Structures are given as structure tokens and as C-alpha cells.
């Protein structure tokens, strides 16, 4: 899901930085309106570190392998802090581990960060079951975790499939992109279940840590 340097054209990369900048500005604006904006920084720092490390946990899905993303979990727990957390995590993944890239940082942040933001709003719908409902927390925790990965994979698919360089074997590249995208379907289930379990645990022991 991390698009490396050299894959996308300059226009797409610049567009990615524009959308990531707009999303970061919107998130920081929302955070700044909180009564105590600094209160969520320790929690955001901890989950940024988890996001940084999670990309190294690979799950074999023949003929490819995928890695944990956790953008849905970040949305559920961090709310508006999720996008800055994803952006910072991706920056350090690119600089320290060459996972992703600096030219594609904006595109990758948009692909994974915007679904995290949407997962936060989806998770808030659990209130239709009642504020203290474990059923609602479990169902919408799963949907937030699975949906965030699915949206990120779909966004990466659209960007990659529409920007295949003319000099490459288009059919072979297209088949590889489709196979890689389909490999994320099992990951959606895994991340949905993991996010639901974490949300249920926090709901029981410290519900104030859940955003929304």
C-alpha cells in the first residue's frame, strides 16, 4: 500500500501533497478547537509509534504479502489526531526504513490518512445502539477497521491503475496491481477484528480513550 518513489508522475505527487496539506490543516484546526488540544498528544504519540512498527508485520497472502496498516484503529482511538499521526508515521517509515517515499509521502498520507478520518466518523455511529452498548462498539469497531483498510486499498488501486507508465507492460502491471489489491481483502477482516477487540477492551477498562 506504500507507493515508493519513482512510480508516480510529478503532477500526481504534487496533488498528493496538496490533499495531504489540506487534510492536515483541517485536522489541526479541529484539534485546536478542543478545550485542551495537548491532552491527546501522548495517546497520539503512542499510536504513531504503533503505526510505524505495524508496517513491518507482514502477512503472507499468496501470491503476495500484505502488512498491517492500523489506520482504522488510529481513527477510532485518535479521532482528529489520526491524520497527523499517519503523516508523521509515514515520514519516518520513508526516512528510516525506505518504506514508501518522500516524493509520494503526500499521496500515501492521503491514501491512508483520509480513511482513518472517515473511520472515526463511522465509529461514532455506534451511538445508535446506545452510548454504553458493547454490541455497537464491536460492530462499528470492526466496520471502522475493515473499512479504512478497504478504502486505502481502493484508493491505491485507482491511483496505480490509472498511472501505469506507457513504457511498461501494461497488462502485466495491471494484473499485478489487481492481485495486490485483492490480497488486502483478508487484511480487512484481520484489521476489522483487531480494531473491534481493541475498542471493546478500551470500552470496558477506559472508555474515555475512545474518540466520539
C-alpha atoms as a PDB file:
ATOM      1  CA  UNK A   1       0.000   0.000   0.000  1.00  0.00           C
ATOM      2  CA  UNK A   2       3.035   2.255   0.439  1.00  0.00           C
ATOM      3  CA  UNK A   3       3.740   3.667  -3.024  1.00  0.00           C
ATOM      4  CA  UNK A   4       7.538   4.137  -3.395  1.00  0.00           C
ATOM      5  CA  UNK A   5       9.438   6.905  -5.145  1.00  0.00           C
ATOM      6  CA  UNK A   6       9.659   6.757  -8.927  1.00  0.00           C
ATOM      7  CA  UNK A   7       6.252   5.180  -9.546  1.00  0.00           C
ATOM      8  CA  UNK A   8       4.047   8.257  -9.866  1.00  0.00           C
ATOM      9  CA  UNK A   9       4.450  11.339 -12.026  1.00  0.00           C
ATOM     10  CA  UNK A  10       5.273  14.783 -10.632  1.00  0.00           C
ATOM     11  CA  UNK A  11       1.712  16.024 -11.077  1.00  0.00           C
ATOM     12  CA  UNK A  12       0.249  13.182  -9.021  1.00  0.00           C
ATOM     13  CA  UNK A  13       2.856  13.653  -6.291  1.00  0.00           C
ATOM     14  CA  UNK A  14       2.133  17.378  -6.087  1.00  0.00           C
ATOM     15  CA  UNK A  15      -1.586  16.643  -5.983  1.00  0.00           C
ATOM     16  CA  UNK A  16      -0.944  14.237  -3.120  1.00  0.00           C
ATOM     17  CA  UNK A  17       0.910  16.915  -1.160  1.00  0.00           C
ATOM     18  CA  UNK A  18      -1.963  19.338  -1.791  1.00  0.00           C
ATOM     19  CA  UNK A  19      -4.612  16.939  -0.481  1.00  0.00           C
ATOM     20  CA  UNK A  20      -2.440  15.866   2.452  1.00  0.00           C
ATOM     21  CA  UNK A  21      -1.782  19.510   3.325  1.00  0.00           C
ATOM     22  CA  UNK A  22      -5.488  20.289   3.248  1.00  0.00           C
ATOM     23  CA  UNK A  23      -6.318  17.251   5.402  1.00  0.00           C
ATOM     24  CA  UNK A  24      -3.571  18.117   7.905  1.00  0.00           C
ATOM     25  CA  UNK A  25      -4.758  21.731   8.099  1.00  0.00           C
ATOM     26  CA  UNK A  26      -8.358  20.586   8.689  1.00  0.00           C
ATOM     27  CA  UNK A  27      -7.301  18.096  11.380  1.00  0.00           C
ATOM     28  CA  UNK A  28      -5.124  20.631  13.221  1.00  0.00           C
ATOM     29  CA  UNK A  29      -7.924  23.182  13.044  1.00  0.00           C
ATOM     30  CA  UNK A  30     -10.300  20.697  14.678  1.00  0.00           C
ATOM     31  CA  UNK A  31      -7.702  19.754  17.301  1.00  0.00           C
ATOM     32  CA  UNK A  32      -7.074  23.419  18.064  1.00  0.00           C
ATOM     33  CA  UNK A  33     -10.750  23.885  18.904  1.00  0.00           C
ATOM     34  CA  UNK A  34     -10.616  21.275  21.666  1.00  0.00           C
ATOM     35  CA  UNK A  35     -10.684  22.524  25.254  1.00  0.00           C
ATOM     36  CA  UNK A  36      -7.220  21.031  25.842  1.00  0.00           C
ATOM     37  CA  UNK A  37      -5.518  20.234  22.500  1.00  0.00           C
ATOM     38  CA  UNK A  38      -2.384  18.906  24.224  1.00  0.00           C
ATOM     39  CA  UNK A  39      -4.324  16.282  26.131  1.00  0.00           C
ATOM     40  CA  UNK A  40      -4.382  13.873  23.185  1.00  0.00           C
ATOM     41  CA  UNK A  41      -0.690  14.222  22.263  1.00  0.00           C
ATOM     42  CA  UNK A  42       0.637  11.335  24.444  1.00  0.00           C
ATOM     43  CA  UNK A  43      -2.019   8.988  23.073  1.00  0.00           C
ATOM     44  CA  UNK A  44      -1.291  10.134  19.505  1.00  0.00           C
ATOM     45  CA  UNK A  45       2.459   9.650  20.028  1.00  0.00           C
ATOM     46  CA  UNK A  46       1.951   6.102  21.292  1.00  0.00           C
ATOM     47  CA  UNK A  47      -0.241   5.096  18.359  1.00  0.00           C
ATOM     48  CA  UNK A  48       2.059   6.825  15.864  1.00  0.00           C
ATOM     49  CA  UNK A  49       4.808   4.519  17.115  1.00  0.00           C
ATOM     50  CA  UNK A  50       2.457   1.524  16.751  1.00  0.00           C
ATOM     51  CA  UNK A  51       1.628   2.617  13.187  1.00  0.00           C
ATOM     52  CA  UNK A  52       5.352   2.933  12.442  1.00  0.00           C
ATOM     53  CA  UNK A  53       6.126  -0.582  13.647  1.00  0.00           C
ATOM     54  CA  UNK A  54       2.988  -2.273  12.292  1.00  0.00           C
ATOM     55  CA  UNK A  55       4.120  -1.898   8.686  1.00  0.00           C
ATOM     56  CA  UNK A  56       6.832  -4.465   9.389  1.00  0.00           C
ATOM     57  CA  UNK A  57       4.369  -7.170  10.417  1.00  0.00           C
ATOM     58  CA  UNK A  58       3.813  -8.926   7.108  1.00  0.00           C
ATOM     59  CA  UNK A  59       1.052 -11.438   6.475  1.00  0.00           C
ATOM     60  CA  UNK A  60       1.589 -13.849   3.542  1.00  0.00           C
ATOM     61  CA  UNK A  61      -1.370 -13.828   1.155  1.00  0.00           C
ATOM     62  CA  UNK A  62      -0.228 -15.809  -1.922  1.00  0.00           C
ATOM     63  CA  UNK A  63       0.984 -14.731  -4.410  1.00  0.00           C
ATOM     64  CA  UNK A  64       1.880 -11.591  -2.443  1.00  0.00           C
ATOM     65  CA  UNK A  65       2.087 -10.446   1.160  1.00  0.00           C
ATOM     66  CA  UNK A  66       0.460  -7.560   2.955  1.00  0.00           C
ATOM     67  CA  UNK A  67       1.261  -5.739   6.181  1.00  0.00           C
ATOM     68  CA  UNK A  68      -0.801  -4.295   8.974  1.00  0.00           C
ATOM     69  CA  UNK A  69      -1.896  -0.690   8.442  1.00  0.00           C
ATOM     70  CA  UNK A  70      -3.905   0.183  11.593  1.00  0.00           C
ATOM     71  CA  UNK A  71      -5.320   3.369  10.067  1.00  0.00           C
ATOM     72  CA  UNK A  72      -8.831   2.367  11.178  1.00  0.00           C
ATOM     73  CA  UNK A  73      -7.640   1.826  14.750  1.00  0.00           C
ATOM     74  CA  UNK A  74      -5.977   5.244  14.705  1.00  0.00           C
ATOM     75  CA  UNK A  75      -9.248   6.810  13.599  1.00  0.00           C
ATOM     76  CA  UNK A  76     -11.219   5.036  16.346  1.00  0.00           C
ATOM     77  CA  UNK A  77      -8.824   5.967  19.150  1.00  0.00           C
ATOM     78  CA  UNK A  78      -7.361   9.282  17.960  1.00  0.00           C
ATOM     79  CA  UNK A  79     -10.153  10.985  16.051  1.00  0.00           C
ATOM     80  CA  UNK A  80      -8.803  14.206  14.510  1.00  0.00           C
ATOM     81  CA  UNK A  81      -5.275  13.350  15.683  1.00  0.00           C
ATOM     82  CA  UNK A  82      -5.281  10.353  13.316  1.00  0.00           C
ATOM     83  CA  UNK A  83      -4.250  12.152  10.117  1.00  0.00           C
ATOM     84  CA  UNK A  84      -1.214  13.925  11.658  1.00  0.00           C
ATOM     85  CA  UNK A  85      -0.247  10.609  13.265  1.00  0.00           C
ATOM     86  CA  UNK A  86      -0.394   8.815   9.895  1.00  0.00           C
ATOM     87  CA  UNK A  87       1.564  11.607   8.183  1.00  0.00           C
ATOM     88  CA  UNK A  88       4.342  11.578  10.799  1.00  0.00           C
ATOM     89  CA  UNK A  89       4.476   7.781  10.827  1.00  0.00           C
ATOM     90  CA  UNK A  90       4.796   7.620   7.044  1.00  0.00           C
ATOM     91  CA  UNK A  91       7.562  10.239   7.082  1.00  0.00           C
ATOM     92  CA  UNK A  92       9.666   8.207   9.498  1.00  0.00           C
ATOM     93  CA  UNK A  93       8.921   4.968   7.610  1.00  0.00           C
ATOM     94  CA  UNK A  94      10.252   6.610   4.425  1.00  0.00           C
ATOM     95  CA  UNK A  95      13.324   8.204   6.041  1.00  0.00           C
ATOM     96  CA  UNK A  96      14.361   5.401   8.397  1.00  0.00           C
ATOM     97  CA  UNK A  97      13.309   2.265   6.518  1.00  0.00           C
ATOM     98  CA  UNK A  98      12.851   3.433   2.881  1.00  0.00           C
ATOM     99  CA  UNK A  99       9.286   2.119   3.131  1.00  0.00           C
ATOM    100  CA  UNK A 100       7.202   4.347   0.862  1.00  0.00           C
ATOM    101  CA  UNK A 101       8.934   7.519  -0.323  1.00  0.00           C
ATOM    102  CA  UNK A 102       9.322  11.238   0.200  1.00  0.00           C
ATOM    103  CA  UNK A 103       8.019  12.248  -3.222  1.00  0.00           C
ATOM    104  CA  UNK A 104       4.959  10.044  -2.644  1.00  0.00           C
ATOM    105  CA  UNK A 105       4.546  10.998   1.024  1.00  0.00           C
ATOM    106  CA  UNK A 106       1.543  13.213   0.288  1.00  0.00           C
ATOM    107  CA  UNK A 107      -0.160  10.546  -1.818  1.00  0.00           C
ATOM    108  CA  UNK A 108       0.451   7.823   0.776  1.00  0.00           C
ATOM    109  CA  UNK A 109      -0.720  10.079   3.609  1.00  0.00           C
ATOM    110  CA  UNK A 110      -3.916  10.826   1.692  1.00  0.00           C
ATOM    111  CA  UNK A 111      -4.497   7.155   0.851  1.00  0.00           C
ATOM    112  CA  UNK A 112      -4.164   6.004   4.468  1.00  0.00           C
ATOM    113  CA  UNK A 113      -4.947   9.141   6.471  1.00  0.00           C
ATOM    114  CA  UNK A 114      -8.259  10.186   4.949  1.00  0.00           C
ATOM    115  CA  UNK A 115      -9.794   6.689   5.521  1.00  0.00           C
ATOM    116  CA  UNK A 116      -8.619   6.974   9.159  1.00  0.00           C
ATOM    117  CA  UNK A 117     -10.533  10.218   9.440  1.00  0.00           C
ATOM    118  CA  UNK A 118     -13.615   8.562   7.886  1.00  0.00           C
ATOM    119  CA  UNK A 119     -13.240   5.586  10.256  1.00  0.00           C
ATOM    120  CA  UNK A 120     -13.502   7.988  13.183  1.00  0.00           C
ATOM    121  CA  UNK A 121     -16.842   9.299  11.919  1.00  0.00           C
ATOM    122  CA  UNK A 122     -18.069   5.785  11.107  1.00  0.00           C
ATOM    123  CA  UNK A 123     -17.206   4.618  14.624  1.00  0.00           C
ATOM    124  CA  UNK A 124     -19.247   7.470  16.090  1.00  0.00           C
ATOM    125  CA  UNK A 125     -22.354   5.860  14.581  1.00  0.00           C
ATOM    126  CA  UNK A 126     -22.146   3.222  17.334  1.00  0.00           C
ATOM    127  CA  UNK A 127     -24.228   5.604  19.394  1.00  0.00           C
ATOM    128  CA  UNK A 128     -27.346   4.424  17.562  1.00  0.00           C
ATOM    129  CA  UNK A 129     -27.061   1.302  19.771  1.00  0.00           C
ATOM    130  CA  UNK A 130     -26.709   3.478  22.880  1.00  0.00           C
ATOM    131  CA  UNK A 131     -23.605   5.141  24.320  1.00  0.00           C
ATOM    132  CA  UNK A 132     -22.647   2.175  26.521  1.00  0.00           C
ATOM    133  CA  UNK A 133     -23.521  -0.621  24.075  1.00  0.00           C
ATOM    134  CA  UNK A 134     -20.817  -3.255  23.662  1.00  0.00           C
ATOM    135  CA  UNK A 135     -22.617  -4.552  20.573  1.00  0.00           C
ATOM    136  CA  UNK A 136     -22.433  -1.159  18.896  1.00  0.00           C
ATOM    137  CA  UNK A 137     -18.763  -0.726  19.854  1.00  0.00           C
ATOM    138  CA  UNK A 138     -17.890  -4.158  18.446  1.00  0.00           C
ATOM    139  CA  UNK A 139     -19.835  -3.800  15.204  1.00  0.00           C
ATOM    140  CA  UNK A 140     -18.667  -0.299  14.372  1.00  0.00           C
ATOM    141  CA  UNK A 141     -15.151  -1.035  15.574  1.00  0.00           C
ATOM    142  CA  UNK A 142     -14.997  -3.849  13.039  1.00  0.00           C
ATOM    143  CA  UNK A 143     -16.503  -1.721  10.273  1.00  0.00           C
ATOM    144  CA  UNK A 144     -14.101   1.146  11.010  1.00  0.00           C
ATOM    145  CA  UNK A 145     -11.026  -1.108  10.963  1.00  0.00           C
ATOM    146  CA  UNK A 146     -12.030  -3.085   7.882  1.00  0.00           C
ATOM    147  CA  UNK A 147     -13.437  -0.084   6.029  1.00  0.00           C
ATOM    148  CA  UNK A 148     -10.323   2.045   6.500  1.00  0.00           C
ATOM    149  CA  UNK A 149      -8.083  -0.649   5.004  1.00  0.00           C
ATOM    150  CA  UNK A 150     -10.550  -1.275   2.175  1.00  0.00           C
ATOM    151  CA  UNK A 151     -10.775   2.405   1.277  1.00  0.00           C
ATOM    152  CA  UNK A 152      -6.993   2.786   1.375  1.00  0.00           C
ATOM    153  CA  UNK A 153      -6.517  -0.256  -0.873  1.00  0.00           C
ATOM    154  CA  UNK A 154      -9.176   1.020  -3.294  1.00  0.00           C
ATOM    155  CA  UNK A 155      -7.566   4.459  -3.443  1.00  0.00           C
ATOM    156  CA  UNK A 156      -4.119   2.964  -4.078  1.00  0.00           C
ATOM    157  CA  UNK A 157      -5.620   0.735  -6.776  1.00  0.00           C
ATOM    158  CA  UNK A 158      -7.241   3.666  -8.595  1.00  0.00           C
ATOM    159  CA  UNK A 159      -4.082   5.773  -8.472  1.00  0.00           C
ATOM    160  CA  UNK A 160      -1.796   2.958  -9.626  1.00  0.00           C
ATOM    161  CA  UNK A 161      -4.073   1.544 -12.332  1.00  0.00           C
ATOM    162  CA  UNK A 162      -4.559   4.975 -13.905  1.00  0.00           C
ATOM    163  CA  UNK A 163      -0.895   5.991 -13.871  1.00  0.00           C
ATOM    164  CA  UNK A 164       0.889   2.959 -15.326  1.00  0.00           C
ATOM    165  CA  UNK A 165       3.827   4.322 -17.354  1.00  0.00           C
ATOM    166  CA  UNK A 166       3.457   3.752 -21.109  1.00  0.00           C
ATOM    167  CA  UNK A 167       6.893   2.137 -21.347  1.00  0.00           C
ATOM    168  CA  UNK A 168       5.918  -0.835 -19.161  1.00  0.00           C
ATOM    169  CA  UNK A 169       3.928  -3.966 -19.974  1.00  0.00           C
ATOM    170  CA  UNK A 170       0.516  -2.512 -19.171  1.00  0.00           C
ATOM    171  CA  UNK A 171      -1.315  -5.848 -18.954  1.00  0.00           C
ATOM    172  CA  UNK A 172       1.270  -7.402 -16.644  1.00  0.00           C
ATOM    173  CA  UNK A 173       1.319  -4.322 -14.423  1.00  0.00           C
ATOM    174  CA  UNK A 174      -2.465  -4.249 -14.329  1.00  0.00           C
ATOM    175  CA  UNK A 175      -2.637  -7.918 -13.298  1.00  0.00           C
ATOM    176  CA  UNK A 176      -0.080  -7.315 -10.529  1.00  0.00           C
ATOM    177  CA  UNK A 177      -1.993  -4.310  -9.184  1.00  0.00           C
ATOM    178  CA  UNK A 178      -5.286  -6.242  -9.159  1.00  0.00           C
ATOM    179  CA  UNK A 179      -3.680  -9.212  -7.391  1.00  0.00           C
ATOM    180  CA  UNK A 180      -2.089  -6.939  -4.783  1.00  0.00           C
ATOM    181  CA  UNK A 181      -5.380  -5.155  -4.170  1.00  0.00           C
ATOM    182  CA  UNK A 182      -7.314  -8.416  -3.741  1.00  0.00           C
ATOM    183  CA  UNK A 183      -4.661  -9.573  -1.253  1.00  0.00           C
ATOM    184  CA  UNK A 184      -5.909  -6.829   1.075  1.00  0.00           C
ATOM    185  CA  UNK A 185      -9.359  -8.463   1.457  1.00  0.00           C
ATOM    186  CA  UNK A 186      -8.148 -10.882   4.188  1.00  0.00           C
ATOM    187  CA  UNK A 187      -6.326  -7.972   5.800  1.00  0.00           C
ATOM    188  CA  UNK A 188      -9.617  -6.087   6.004  1.00  0.00           C
ATOM    189  CA  UNK A 189     -11.075  -8.917   8.102  1.00  0.00           C
ATOM    190  CA  UNK A 190      -7.975  -9.112  10.308  1.00  0.00           C
ATOM    191  CA  UNK A 191      -7.802  -5.382  10.951  1.00  0.00           C
ATOM    192  CA  UNK A 192     -11.555  -5.176  11.456  1.00  0.00           C
ATOM    193  CA  UNK A 193     -11.426  -7.894  14.108  1.00  0.00           C
ATOM    194  CA  UNK A 194      -8.339  -6.382  15.750  1.00  0.00           C
ATOM    195  CA  UNK A 195      -9.866  -2.893  15.866  1.00  0.00           C
ATOM    196  CA  UNK A 196     -13.120  -4.280  17.307  1.00  0.00           C
ATOM    197  CA  UNK A 197     -11.222  -6.172  20.038  1.00  0.00           C
ATOM    198  CA  UNK A 198      -9.173  -3.103  20.999  1.00  0.00           C
ATOM    199  CA  UNK A 199     -12.295  -0.915  21.004  1.00  0.00           C
ATOM    200  CA  UNK A 200     -14.172  -3.417  23.187  1.00  0.00           C
ATOM    201  CA  UNK A 201     -11.242  -3.646  25.598  1.00  0.00           C
ATOM    202  CA  UNK A 202     -10.998   0.144  25.908  1.00  0.00           C
ATOM    203  CA  UNK A 203     -14.763   0.379  26.239  1.00  0.00           C
ATOM    204  CA  UNK A 204     -14.587  -1.881  29.290  1.00  0.00           C
ATOM    205  CA  UNK A 205     -11.494  -0.511  31.041  1.00  0.00           C
ATOM    206  CA  UNK A 206     -11.139   3.132  29.945  1.00  0.00           C
ATOM    207  CA  UNK A 207     -13.930   4.285  27.624  1.00  0.00           C
ATOM    208  CA  UNK A 208     -12.753   7.903  27.655  1.00  0.00           C
ATOM    209  CA  UNK A 209      -9.826   6.833  25.453  1.00  0.00           C
ATOM    210  CA  UNK A 210     -12.240   6.175  22.575  1.00  0.00           C
ATOM    211  CA  UNK A 211     -12.949   9.193  20.435  1.00  0.00           C
ATOM    212  CA  UNK A 212     -16.526  10.041  19.569  1.00  0.00           C
END
